[in-house]
Amino acid sequence: MAHYLVSAAPKNDRMQKLEGLLRKHAFVDLQPFGRALTYSLLNARVRQDGMAVWEEEDYCTPPLAQERKAVLDEYFYDITVAAVPPGEGWRRIRALPPLFPGLTTRKPHAA
């Protein structure tokens, strides 16, 4: 299993829709990545330059291939990844404001 620090430019006109879907845990049941993706997006942060950042656990080659096809490309562009040890990405971004301040940071569960 690999972990990545993901940076992505939000498609601002689609963030409200994404927030609503995350609130409903709409992606949790996507196999095999739904729980990890939901957790990552619920905890995503935003850099001063407006880029969204989060740590993502992934098994794909290239990284995030399945997640991009199913979800990420709909809501973000200019997606880049950098390999990090587990937890290091979260440590690096923890002081940044949340991408979705209205969502409570929590582990996802089946709705």
PDB file of N, CA and C in Angstrom:
ATOM      1  N   MET A   1       0.846  -1.164   0.000  1.00  0.00           N
ATOM      2  CA  MET A   1       0.000   0.000   0.000  1.00  0.00           C
ATOM      3  C   MET A   1       0.892   1.227   0.000  1.00  0.00           C
ATOM      4  N   ALA A   2       0.517   2.202  -0.787  1.00  0.00           N
ATOM      5  CA  ALA A   2       1.268   3.450  -0.879  1.00  0.00           C
ATOM      6  C   ALA A   2       0.393   4.599  -0.383  1.00  0.00           C
ATOM      7  N   HIS A   3       1.060   5.618   0.123  1.00  0.00           N
ATOM      8  CA  HIS A   3       0.366   6.827   0.561  1.00  0.00           C
ATOM      9  C   HIS A   3       0.923   7.995  -0.228  1.00  0.00           C
ATOM     10  N   TYR A   4       0.033   8.909  -0.565  1.00  0.00           N
ATOM     11  CA  TYR A   4       0.406  10.066  -1.368  1.00  0.00           C
ATOM     12  C   TYR A   4      -0.154  11.332  -0.747  1.00  0.00           C
ATOM     13  N   LEU A   5       0.621  12.402  -0.875  1.00  0.00           N
ATOM     14  CA  LEU A   5       0.106  13.731  -0.587  1.00  0.00           C
ATOM     15  C   LEU A   5      -0.429  14.237  -1.921  1.00  0.00           C
ATOM     16  N   VAL A   6      -1.719  14.470  -1.972  1.00  0.00           N
ATOM     17  CA  VAL A   6      -2.402  14.865  -3.192  1.00  0.00           C
ATOM     18  C   VAL A   6      -2.633  16.372  -3.169  1.00  0.00           C
ATOM     19  N   SER A   7      -2.368  17.019  -4.285  1.00  0.00           N
ATOM     20  CA  SER A   7      -2.705  18.431  -4.484  1.00  0.00           C
ATOM     21  C   SER A   7      -3.604  18.499  -5.708  1.00  0.00           C
ATOM     22  N   ALA A   8      -4.661  19.293  -5.619  1.00  0.00           N
ATOM     23  CA  ALA A   8      -5.601  19.382  -6.731  1.00  0.00           C
ATOM     24  C   ALA A   8      -6.300  20.734  -6.708  1.00  0.00           C
ATOM     25  N   ALA A   9      -6.540  21.261  -7.887  1.00  0.00           N
ATOM     26  CA  ALA A   9      -7.274  22.518  -8.011  1.00  0.00           C
ATOM     27  C   ALA A   9      -8.770  22.211  -8.019  1.00  0.00           C
ATOM     28  N   PRO A  10      -9.508  22.752  -7.068  1.00  0.00           N
ATOM     29  CA  PRO A  10     -10.955  22.507  -7.048  1.00  0.00           C
ATOM     30  C   PRO A  10     -11.657  23.165  -8.229  1.00  0.00           C
ATOM     31  N   LYS A  11     -12.640  22.479  -8.766  1.00  0.00           N
ATOM     32  CA  LYS A  11     -13.555  23.089  -9.730  1.00  0.00           C
ATOM     33  C   LYS A  11     -14.614  23.775  -8.868  1.00  0.00           C
ATOM     34  N   ASN A  12     -14.413  25.055  -8.621  1.00  0.00           N
ATOM     35  CA  ASN A  12     -15.192  25.783  -7.615  1.00  0.00           C
ATOM     36  C   ASN A  12     -16.697  25.680  -7.806  1.00  0.00           C
ATOM     37  N   ASP A  13     -17.151  25.608  -9.035  1.00  0.00           N
ATOM     38  CA  ASP A  13     -18.587  25.512  -9.280  1.00  0.00           C
ATOM     39  C   ASP A  13     -19.152  24.139  -8.919  1.00  0.00           C
ATOM     40  N   ARG A  14     -18.290  23.198  -8.545  1.00  0.00           N
ATOM     41  CA  ARG A  14     -18.744  21.841  -8.206  1.00  0.00           C
ATOM     42  C   ARG A  14     -18.491  21.476  -6.743  1.00  0.00           C
ATOM     43  N   MET A  15     -17.893  22.363  -5.973  1.00  0.00           N
ATOM     44  CA  MET A  15     -17.547  22.042  -4.588  1.00  0.00           C
ATOM     45  C   MET A  15     -18.775  21.879  -3.702  1.00  0.00           C
ATOM     46  N   GLN A  16     -19.812  22.659  -3.938  1.00  0.00           N
ATOM     47  CA  GLN A  16     -21.026  22.523  -3.130  1.00  0.00           C
ATOM     48  C   GLN A  16     -21.659  21.144  -3.345  1.00  0.00           C
ATOM     49  N   LYS A  17     -21.667  20.698  -4.596  1.00  0.00           N
ATOM     50  CA  LYS A  17     -22.204  19.363  -4.890  1.00  0.00           C
ATOM     51  C   LYS A  17     -21.359  18.290  -4.216  1.00  0.00           C
ATOM     52  N   LEU A  18     -20.029  18.424  -4.312  1.00  0.00           N
ATOM     53  CA  LEU A  18     -19.152  17.440  -3.679  1.00  0.00           C
ATOM     54  C   LEU A  18     -19.360  17.417  -2.171  1.00  0.00           C
ATOM     55  N   GLU A  19     -19.480  18.580  -1.560  1.00  0.00           N
ATOM     56  CA  GLU A  19     -19.718  18.636  -0.114  1.00  0.00           C
ATOM     57  C   GLU A  19     -21.008  17.904   0.253  1.00  0.00           C
ATOM     58  N   GLY A  20     -22.049  18.107  -0.533  1.00  0.00           N
ATOM     59  CA  GLY A  20     -23.314  17.414  -0.269  1.00  0.00           C
ATOM     60  C   GLY A  20     -23.185  15.906  -0.388  1.00  0.00           C
ATOM     61  N   LEU A  21     -22.458  15.454  -1.396  1.00  0.00           N
ATOM     62  CA  LEU A  21     -22.245  14.013  -1.562  1.00  0.00           C
ATOM     63  C   LEU A  21     -21.416  13.442  -0.422  1.00  0.00           C
ATOM     64  N   LEU A  22     -20.407  14.183   0.022  1.00  0.00           N
ATOM     65  CA  LEU A  22     -19.606  13.717   1.155  1.00  0.00           C
ATOM     66  C   LEU A  22     -20.439  13.669   2.433  1.00  0.00           C
ATOM     67  N   ARG A  23     -21.299  14.643   2.606  1.00  0.00           N
ATOM     68  CA  ARG A  23     -22.179  14.673   3.782  1.00  0.00           C
ATOM     69  C   ARG A  23     -23.037  13.408   3.837  1.00  0.00           C
ATOM     70  N   LYS A  24     -23.427  12.914   2.659  1.00  0.00           N
ATOM     71  CA  LYS A  24     -24.260  11.704   2.564  1.00  0.00           C
ATOM     72  C   LYS A  24     -23.430  10.422   2.488  1.00  0.00           C
ATOM     73  N   HIS A  25     -22.110  10.555   2.527  1.00  0.00           N
ATOM     74  CA  HIS A  25     -21.201   9.409   2.388  1.00  0.00           C
ATOM     75  C   HIS A  25     -21.467   8.634   1.101  1.00  0.00           C
ATOM     76  N   ALA A  26     -21.704   9.375   0.025  1.00  0.00           N
ATOM     77  CA  ALA A  26     -22.084   8.784  -1.253  1.00  0.00           C
ATOM     78  C   ALA A  26     -21.008   7.912  -1.882  1.00  0.00           C
ATOM     79  N   PHE A  27     -19.752   8.081  -1.482  1.00  0.00           N
ATOM     80  CA  PHE A  27     -18.667   7.338  -2.128  1.00  0.00           C
ATOM     81  C   PHE A  27     -18.172   6.143  -1.307  1.00  0.00           C
ATOM     82  N   VAL A  28     -18.677   5.975  -0.111  1.00  0.00           N
ATOM     83  CA  VAL A  28     -18.171   4.943   0.803  1.00  0.00           C
ATOM     84  C   VAL A  28     -18.209   3.548   0.191  1.00  0.00           C
ATOM     85  N   ASP A  29     -19.240   3.238  -0.550  1.00  0.00           N
ATOM     86  CA  ASP A  29     -19.397   1.880  -1.079  1.00  0.00           C
ATOM     87  C   ASP A  29     -18.664   1.625  -2.390  1.00  0.00           C
ATOM     88  N   LEU A  30     -17.966   2.620  -2.931  1.00  0.00           N
ATOM     89  CA  LEU A  30     -17.185   2.393  -4.147  1.00  0.00           C
ATOM     90  C   LEU A  30     -16.017   1.472  -3.820  1.00  0.00           C
ATOM     91  N   GLN A  31     -15.899   0.386  -4.544  1.00  0.00           N
ATOM     92  CA  GLN A  31     -14.856  -0.599  -4.276  1.00  0.00           C
ATOM     93  C   GLN A  31     -13.717  -0.452  -5.271  1.00  0.00           C
ATOM     94  N   PRO A  32     -12.499  -0.560  -4.822  1.00  0.00           N
ATOM     95  CA  PRO A  32     -12.050  -0.862  -3.457  1.00  0.00           C
ATOM     96  C   PRO A  32     -11.647   0.375  -2.657  1.00  0.00           C
ATOM     97  N   PHE A  33     -11.942   1.560  -3.117  1.00  0.00           N
ATOM     98  CA  PHE A  33     -11.340   2.776  -2.560  1.00  0.00           C
ATOM     99  C   PHE A  33     -12.306   3.718  -1.854  1.00  0.00           C
ATOM    100  N   GLY A  34     -13.571   3.418  -1.798  1.00  0.00           N
ATOM    101  CA  GLY A  34     -14.572   4.368  -1.322  1.00  0.00           C
ATOM    102  C   GLY A  34     -14.362   4.895   0.090  1.00  0.00           C
ATOM    103  N   ARG A  35     -14.062   4.002   1.009  1.00  0.00           N
ATOM    104  CA  ARG A  35     -13.866   4.446   2.403  1.00  0.00           C
ATOM    105  C   ARG A  35     -12.649   5.359   2.520  1.00  0.00           C
ATOM    106  N   ALA A  36     -11.549   4.974   1.900  1.00  0.00           N
ATOM    107  CA  ALA A  36     -10.326   5.780   1.985  1.00  0.00           C
ATOM    108  C   ALA A  36     -10.524   7.133   1.305  1.00  0.00           C
ATOM    109  N   LEU A  37     -11.164   7.149   0.149  1.00  0.00           N
ATOM    110  CA  LEU A  37     -11.400   8.407  -0.554  1.00  0.00           C
ATOM    111  C   LEU A  37     -12.313   9.316   0.255  1.00  0.00           C
ATOM    112  N   THR A  38     -13.375   8.761   0.818  1.00  0.00           N
ATOM    113  CA  THR A  38     -14.298   9.558   1.628  1.00  0.00           C
ATOM    114  C   THR A  38     -13.571  10.167   2.815  1.00  0.00           C
ATOM    115  N   TYR A  39     -12.801   9.359   3.522  1.00  0.00           N
ATOM    116  CA  TYR A  39     -12.043   9.873   4.668  1.00  0.00           C
ATOM    117  C   TYR A  39     -11.096  10.998   4.229  1.00  0.00           C
ATOM    118  N   SER A  40     -10.407  10.785   3.125  1.00  0.00           N
ATOM    119  CA  SER A  40      -9.448  11.776   2.646  1.00  0.00           C
ATOM    120  C   SER A  40     -10.129  13.088   2.282  1.00  0.00           C
ATOM    121  N   LEU A  41     -11.238  13.022   1.565  1.00  0.00           N
ATOM    122  CA  LEU A  41     -11.910  14.248   1.158  1.00  0.00           C
ATOM    123  C   LEU A  41     -12.595  14.942   2.330  1.00  0.00           C
ATOM    124  N   LEU A  42     -13.119  14.184   3.279  1.00  0.00           N
ATOM    125  CA  LEU A  42     -13.697  14.796   4.484  1.00  0.00           C
ATOM    126  C   LEU A  42     -12.637  15.586   5.247  1.00  0.00           C
ATOM    127  N   ASN A  43     -11.402  15.132   5.173  1.00  0.00           N
ATOM    128  CA  ASN A  43     -10.308  15.755   5.918  1.00  0.00           C
ATOM    129  C   ASN A  43      -9.400  16.628   5.057  1.00  0.00           C
ATOM    130  N   ALA A  44      -9.768  16.839   3.816  1.00  0.00           N
ATOM    131  CA  ALA A  44      -8.949  17.653   2.917  1.00  0.00           C
ATOM    132  C   ALA A  44      -8.781  19.068   3.463  1.00  0.00           C
ATOM    133  N   ARG A  45      -7.674  19.659   3.124  1.00  0.00           N
ATOM    134  CA  ARG A  45      -7.335  21.026   3.552  1.00  0.00           C
ATOM    135  C   ARG A  45      -7.184  21.894   2.325  1.00  0.00           C
ATOM    136  N   VAL A  46      -7.065  23.186   2.542  1.00  0.00           N
ATOM    137  CA  VAL A  46      -6.878  24.104   1.428  1.00  0.00           C
ATOM    138  C   VAL A  46      -5.673  24.991   1.717  1.00  0.00           C
ATOM    139  N   ARG A  47      -4.769  25.029   0.739  1.00  0.00           N
ATOM    140  CA  ARG A  47      -3.582  25.865   0.872  1.00  0.00           C
ATOM    141  C   ARG A  47      -3.945  27.320   0.579  1.00  0.00           C
ATOM    142  N   GLN A  48      -3.035  28.198   0.911  1.00  0.00           N
ATOM    143  CA  GLN A  48      -3.240  29.625   0.686  1.00  0.00           C
ATOM    144  C   GLN A  48      -3.456  29.948  -0.798  1.00  0.00           C
ATOM    145  N   ASP A  49      -2.870  29.151  -1.674  1.00  0.00           N
ATOM    146  CA  ASP A  49      -3.026  29.385  -3.119  1.00  0.00           C
ATOM    147  C   ASP A  49      -4.331  28.801  -3.677  1.00  0.00           C
ATOM    148  N   GLY A  50      -5.180  28.234  -2.812  1.00  0.00           N
ATOM    149  CA  GLY A  50      -6.466  27.695  -3.231  1.00  0.00           C
ATOM    150  C   GLY A  50      -6.453  26.232  -3.612  1.00  0.00           C
ATOM    151  N   MET A  51      -5.279  25.616  -3.637  1.00  0.00           N
ATOM    152  CA  MET A  51      -5.192  24.188  -3.966  1.00  0.00           C
ATOM    153  C   MET A  51      -5.685  23.345  -2.788  1.00  0.00           C
ATOM    154  N   ALA A  52      -6.474  22.328  -3.092  1.00  0.00           N
ATOM    155  CA  ALA A  52      -6.901  21.358  -2.092  1.00  0.00           C
ATOM    156  C   ALA A  52      -5.771  20.355  -1.897  1.00  0.00           C
ATOM    157  N   VAL A  53      -5.577  19.906  -0.657  1.00  0.00           N
ATOM    158  CA  VAL A  53      -4.537  18.919  -0.356  1.00  0.00           C
ATOM    159  C   VAL A  53      -5.076  17.898   0.641  1.00  0.00           C
ATOM    160  N   TRP A  54      -4.631  16.665   0.470  1.00  0.00           N
ATOM    161  CA  TRP A  54      -5.006  15.602   1.390  1.00  0.00           C
ATOM    162  C   TRP A  54      -4.053  14.436   1.209  1.00  0.00           C
ATOM    163  N   GLU A  55      -4.066  13.546   2.172  1.00  0.00           N
ATOM    164  CA  GLU A  55      -3.297  12.300   2.048  1.00  0.00           C
ATOM    165  C   GLU A  55      -4.251  11.220   1.584  1.00  0.00           C
ATOM    166  N   GLU A  56      -3.776  10.408   0.662  1.00  0.00           N
ATOM    167  CA  GLU A  56      -4.601   9.340   0.108  1.00  0.00           C
ATOM    168  C   GLU A  56      -3.831   8.032   0.116  1.00  0.00           C
ATOM    169  N   GLU A  57      -4.483   6.981   0.557  1.00  0.00           N
ATOM    170  CA  GLU A  57      -3.951   5.624   0.484  1.00  0.00           C
ATOM    171  C   GLU A  57      -4.384   5.050  -0.859  1.00  0.00           C
ATOM    172  N   ASP A  58      -3.448   4.446  -1.596  1.00  0.00           N
ATOM    173  CA  ASP A  58      -3.799   3.999  -2.935  1.00  0.00           C
ATOM    174  C   ASP A  58      -2.961   2.795  -3.347  1.00  0.00           C
ATOM    175  N   TYR A  59      -3.544   1.977  -4.210  1.00  0.00           N
ATOM    176  CA  TYR A  59      -2.878   0.784  -4.713  1.00  0.00           C
ATOM    177  C   TYR A  59      -2.698   0.802  -6.221  1.00  0.00           C
ATOM    178  N   CYS A  60      -3.191   1.816  -6.900  1.00  0.00           N
ATOM    179  CA  CYS A  60      -3.230   1.865  -8.368  1.00  0.00           C
ATOM    180  C   CYS A  60      -1.898   2.275  -8.988  1.00  0.00           C
ATOM    181  N   THR A  61      -1.727   1.872 -10.225  1.00  0.00           N
ATOM    182  CA  THR A  61      -0.660   2.379 -11.073  1.00  0.00           C
ATOM    183  C   THR A  61      -1.313   2.796 -12.372  1.00  0.00           C
ATOM    184  N   PRO A  62      -1.265   4.057 -12.713  1.00  0.00           N
ATOM    185  CA  PRO A  62      -0.704   5.175 -11.953  1.00  0.00           C
ATOM    186  C   PRO A  62      -1.561   5.484 -10.722  1.00  0.00           C
ATOM    187  N   PRO A  63      -0.961   6.209  -9.757  1.00  0.00           N
ATOM    188  CA  PRO A  63      -1.687   6.526  -8.521  1.00  0.00           C
ATOM    189  C   PRO A  63      -3.016   7.230  -8.798  1.00  0.00           C
ATOM    190  N   LEU A  64      -4.011   6.840  -8.036  1.00  0.00           N
ATOM    191  CA  LEU A  64      -5.366   7.414  -8.058  1.00  0.00           C
ATOM    192  C   LEU A  64      -6.120   7.195  -9.367  1.00  0.00           C
ATOM    193  N   ALA A  65      -5.710   6.254 -10.166  1.00  0.00           N
ATOM    194  CA  ALA A  65      -6.374   6.025 -11.458  1.00  0.00           C
ATOM    195  C   ALA A  65      -7.864   5.738 -11.285  1.00  0.00           C
ATOM    196  N   GLN A  66      -8.220   4.841 -10.387  1.00  0.00           N
ATOM    197  CA  GLN A  66      -9.629   4.503 -10.174  1.00  0.00           C
ATOM    198  C   GLN A  66     -10.394   5.664  -9.553  1.00  0.00           C
ATOM    199  N   GLU A  67      -9.781   6.322  -8.581  1.00  0.00           N
ATOM    200  CA  GLU A  67     -10.424   7.442  -7.898  1.00  0.00           C
ATOM    201  C   GLU A  67     -10.669   8.605  -8.859  1.00  0.00           C
ATOM    202  N   ARG A  68      -9.710   8.843  -9.723  1.00  0.00           N
ATOM    203  CA  ARG A  68      -9.863   9.934 -10.698  1.00  0.00           C
ATOM    204  C   ARG A  68     -11.026   9.647 -11.641  1.00  0.00           C
ATOM    205  N   LYS A  69     -11.065   8.449 -12.163  1.00  0.00           N
ATOM    206  CA  LYS A  69     -12.111   8.082 -13.120  1.00  0.00           C
ATOM    207  C   LYS A  69     -13.495   8.155 -12.483  1.00  0.00           C
ATOM    208  N   ALA A  70     -13.628   7.669 -11.259  1.00  0.00           N
ATOM    209  CA  ALA A  70     -14.934   7.583 -10.607  1.00  0.00           C
ATOM    210  C   ALA A  70     -15.386   8.894  -9.965  1.00  0.00           C
ATOM    211  N   VAL A  71     -14.441   9.702  -9.447  1.00  0.00           N
ATOM    212  CA  VAL A  71     -14.845  10.864  -8.636  1.00  0.00           C
ATOM    213  C   VAL A  71     -13.990  12.103  -8.888  1.00  0.00           C
ATOM    214  N   LEU A  72     -12.701  11.984  -8.694  1.00  0.00           N
ATOM    215  CA  LEU A  72     -11.848  13.170  -8.591  1.00  0.00           C
ATOM    216  C   LEU A  72     -11.851  14.065  -9.819  1.00  0.00           C
ATOM    217  N   ASP A  73     -11.814  13.501 -11.014  1.00  0.00           N
ATOM    218  CA  ASP A  73     -11.770  14.337 -12.222  1.00  0.00           C
ATOM    219  C   ASP A  73     -13.040  15.164 -12.403  1.00  0.00           C
ATOM    220  N   GLU A  74     -14.122  14.762 -11.770  1.00  0.00           N
ATOM    221  CA  GLU A  74     -15.373  15.522 -11.835  1.00  0.00           C
ATOM    222  C   GLU A  74     -15.290  16.819 -11.012  1.00  0.00           C
ATOM    223  N   TYR A  75     -14.466  16.805  -9.965  1.00  0.00           N
ATOM    224  CA  TYR A  75     -14.459  17.912  -9.005  1.00  0.00           C
ATOM    225  C   TYR A  75     -13.137  18.668  -8.914  1.00  0.00           C
ATOM    226  N   PHE A  76     -12.077  18.115  -9.506  1.00  0.00           N
ATOM    227  CA  PHE A  76     -10.751  18.723  -9.415  1.00  0.00           C
ATOM    228  C   PHE A  76     -10.033  18.631 -10.753  1.00  0.00           C
ATOM    229  N   TYR A  77      -9.061  19.499 -10.948  1.00  0.00           N
ATOM    230  CA  TYR A  77      -8.145  19.402 -12.081  1.00  0.00           C
ATOM    231  C   TYR A  77      -6.735  19.650 -11.573  1.00  0.00           C
ATOM    232  N   ASP A  78      -5.754  19.471 -12.436  1.00  0.00           N
ATOM    233  CA  ASP A  78      -4.339  19.601 -12.053  1.00  0.00           C
ATOM    234  C   ASP A  78      -4.008  18.772 -10.811  1.00  0.00           C
ATOM    235  N   ILE A  79      -4.406  17.526 -10.826  1.00  0.00           N
ATOM    236  CA  ILE A  79      -4.157  16.627  -9.694  1.00  0.00           C
ATOM    237  C   ILE A  79      -2.718  16.118  -9.767  1.00  0.00           C
ATOM    238  N   THR A  80      -1.984  16.302  -8.677  1.00  0.00           N
ATOM    239  CA  THR A  80      -0.622  15.791  -8.581  1.00  0.00           C
ATOM    240  C   THR A  80      -0.485  14.996  -7.295  1.00  0.00           C
ATOM    241  N   VAL A  81       0.448  14.051  -7.295  1.00  0.00           N
ATOM    242  CA  VAL A  81       0.683  13.229  -6.115  1.00  0.00           C
ATOM    243  C   VAL A  81       2.177  13.165  -5.817  1.00  0.00           C
ATOM    244  N   ALA A  82       2.484  13.067  -4.535  1.00  0.00           N
ATOM    245  CA  ALA A  82       3.859  12.865  -4.084  1.00  0.00           C
ATOM    246  C   ALA A  82       3.830  11.778  -3.013  1.00  0.00           C
ATOM    247  N   ALA A  83       4.643  10.749  -3.182  1.00  0.00           N
ATOM    248  CA  ALA A  83       4.691   9.655  -2.217  1.00  0.00           C
ATOM    249  C   ALA A  83       5.146  10.170  -0.853  1.00  0.00           C
ATOM    250  N   VAL A  84       4.470   9.690   0.196  1.00  0.00           N
ATOM    251  CA  VAL A  84       4.815  10.049   1.572  1.00  0.00           C
ATOM    252  C   VAL A  84       4.658   8.810   2.449  1.00  0.00           C
ATOM    253  N   PRO A  85       5.370   8.746   3.569  1.00  0.00           N
ATOM    254  CA  PRO A  85       5.095   7.675   4.529  1.00  0.00           C
ATOM    255  C   PRO A  85       3.692   7.855   5.104  1.00  0.00           C
ATOM    256  N   PRO A  86       3.039   6.773   5.513  1.00  0.00           N
ATOM    257  CA  PRO A  86       1.693   6.884   6.075  1.00  0.00           C
ATOM    258  C   PRO A  86       1.638   7.917   7.203  1.00  0.00           C
ATOM    259  N   GLY A  87       0.677   8.828   7.110  1.00  0.00           N
ATOM    260  CA  GLY A  87       0.492   9.860   8.131  1.00  0.00           C
ATOM    261  C   GLY A  87       1.292  11.130   7.912  1.00  0.00           C
ATOM    262  N   GLU A  88       2.339  11.069   7.113  1.00  0.00           N
ATOM    263  CA  GLU A  88       3.200  12.240   6.901  1.00  0.00           C
ATOM    264  C   GLU A  88       2.469  13.356   6.167  1.00  0.00           C
ATOM    265  N   GLY A  89       1.642  13.003   5.187  1.00  0.00           N
ATOM    266  CA  GLY A  89       0.879  14.020   4.465  1.00  0.00           C
ATOM    267  C   GLY A  89      -0.058  14.764   5.397  1.00  0.00           C
ATOM    268  N   TRP A  90      -0.760  14.016   6.250  1.00  0.00           N
ATOM    269  CA  TRP A  90      -1.666  14.659   7.212  1.00  0.00           C
ATOM    270  C   TRP A  90      -0.886  15.560   8.162  1.00  0.00           C
ATOM    271  N   ARG A  91       0.283  15.113   8.593  1.00  0.00           N
ATOM    272  CA  ARG A  91       1.095  15.931   9.496  1.00  0.00           C
ATOM    273  C   ARG A  91       1.471  17.250   8.832  1.00  0.00           C
ATOM    274  N   ARG A  92       1.848  17.189   7.575  1.00  0.00           N
ATOM    275  CA  ARG A  92       2.282  18.390   6.856  1.00  0.00           C
ATOM    276  C   ARG A  92       1.171  19.418   6.676  1.00  0.00           C
ATOM    277  N   ILE A  93      -0.066  18.957   6.559  1.00  0.00           N
ATOM    278  CA  ILE A  93      -1.156  19.881   6.229  1.00  0.00           C
ATOM    279  C   ILE A  93      -2.104  20.163   7.387  1.00  0.00           C
ATOM    280  N   ARG A  94      -1.867  19.607   8.548  1.00  0.00           N
ATOM    281  CA  ARG A  94      -2.839  19.705   9.636  1.00  0.00           C
ATOM    282  C   ARG A  94      -3.163  21.125  10.070  1.00  0.00           C
ATOM    283  N   ALA A  95      -2.259  22.062   9.887  1.00  0.00           N
ATOM    284  CA  ALA A  95      -2.508  23.440  10.306  1.00  0.00           C
ATOM    285  C   ALA A  95      -3.320  24.240   9.280  1.00  0.00           C
ATOM    286  N   LEU A  96      -3.519  23.691   8.100  1.00  0.00           N
ATOM    287  CA  LEU A  96      -4.268  24.393   7.056  1.00  0.00           C
ATOM    288  C   LEU A  96      -5.766  24.317   7.335  1.00  0.00           C
ATOM    289  N   PRO A  97      -6.526  25.299   6.840  1.00  0.00           N
ATOM    290  CA  PRO A  97      -7.983  25.248   7.048  1.00  0.00           C
ATOM    291  C   PRO A  97      -8.614  24.123   6.238  1.00  0.00           C
ATOM    292  N   PRO A  98      -9.730  23.590   6.733  1.00  0.00           N
ATOM    293  CA  PRO A  98     -10.405  22.506   6.018  1.00  0.00           C
ATOM    294  C   PRO A  98     -11.003  22.987   4.696  1.00  0.00           C
ATOM    295  N   LEU A  99     -10.999  22.106   3.717  1.00  0.00           N
ATOM    296  CA  LEU A  99     -11.628  22.398   2.438  1.00  0.00           C
ATOM    297  C   LEU A  99     -13.138  22.534   2.613  1.00  0.00           C
ATOM    298  N   PHE A 100     -13.703  21.714   3.465  1.00  0.00           N
ATOM    299  CA  PHE A 100     -15.147  21.743   3.744  1.00  0.00           C
ATOM    300  C   PHE A 100     -15.362  22.008   5.230  1.00  0.00           C
ATOM    301  N   PRO A 101     -15.314  23.273   5.649  1.00  0.00           N
ATOM    302  CA  PRO A 101     -15.431  23.584   7.075  1.00  0.00           C
ATOM    303  C   PRO A 101     -16.746  23.131   7.690  1.00  0.00           C
ATOM    304  N   GLY A 102     -17.794  22.968   6.896  1.00  0.00           N
ATOM    305  CA  GLY A 102     -19.091  22.549   7.424  1.00  0.00           C
ATOM    306  C   GLY A 102     -19.184  21.074   7.728  1.00  0.00           C
ATOM    307  N   LEU A 103     -18.185  20.305   7.333  1.00  0.00           N
ATOM    308  CA  LEU A 103     -18.212  18.865   7.590  1.00  0.00           C
ATOM    309  C   LEU A 103     -17.380  18.544   8.814  1.00  0.00           C
ATOM    310  N   THR A 104     -17.899  17.657   9.624  1.00  0.00           N
ATOM    311  CA  THR A 104     -17.174  17.209  10.795  1.00  0.00           C
ATOM    312  C   THR A 104     -16.131  16.191  10.365  1.00  0.00           C
ATOM    313  N   THR A 105     -14.932  16.321  10.867  1.00  0.00           N
ATOM    314  CA  THR A 105     -13.881  15.349  10.587  1.00  0.00           C
ATOM    315  C   THR A 105     -14.208  14.080  11.348  1.00  0.00           C
ATOM    316  N   ARG A 106     -14.386  13.004  10.613  1.00  0.00           N
ATOM    317  CA  ARG A 106     -14.735  11.725  11.251  1.00  0.00           C
ATOM    318  C   ARG A 106     -14.445  10.597  10.277  1.00  0.00           C
ATOM    319  N   LYS A 107     -14.341   9.418  10.826  1.00  0.00           N
ATOM    320  CA  LYS A 107     -14.176   8.238   9.991  1.00  0.00           C
ATOM    321  C   LYS A 107     -15.482   7.982   9.251  1.00  0.00           C
ATOM    322  N   PRO A 108     -15.407   7.635   7.970  1.00  0.00           N
ATOM    323  CA  PRO A 108     -16.639   7.360   7.231  1.00  0.00           C
ATOM    324  C   PRO A 108     -17.260   6.047   7.688  1.00  0.00           C
ATOM    325  N   HIS A 109     -18.545   5.955   7.485  1.00  0.00           N
ATOM    326  CA  HIS A 109     -19.271   4.724   7.795  1.00  0.00           C
ATOM    327  C   HIS A 109     -20.308   4.503   6.713  1.00  0.00           C
ATOM    328  N   ALA A 110     -20.782   3.305   6.624  1.00  0.00           N
ATOM    329  CA  ALA A 110     -21.827   3.031   5.630  1.00  0.00           C
ATOM    330  C   ALA A 110     -23.073   3.791   6.035  1.00  0.00           C
ATOM    331  N   ALA A 111     -23.689   4.441   5.084  1.00  0.00           N
ATOM    332  CA  ALA A 111     -24.887   5.252   5.380  1.00  0.00           C
ATOM    333  C   ALA A 111     -26.099   4.384   5.606  1.00  0.00           C
TER     334      ALA A 111
END
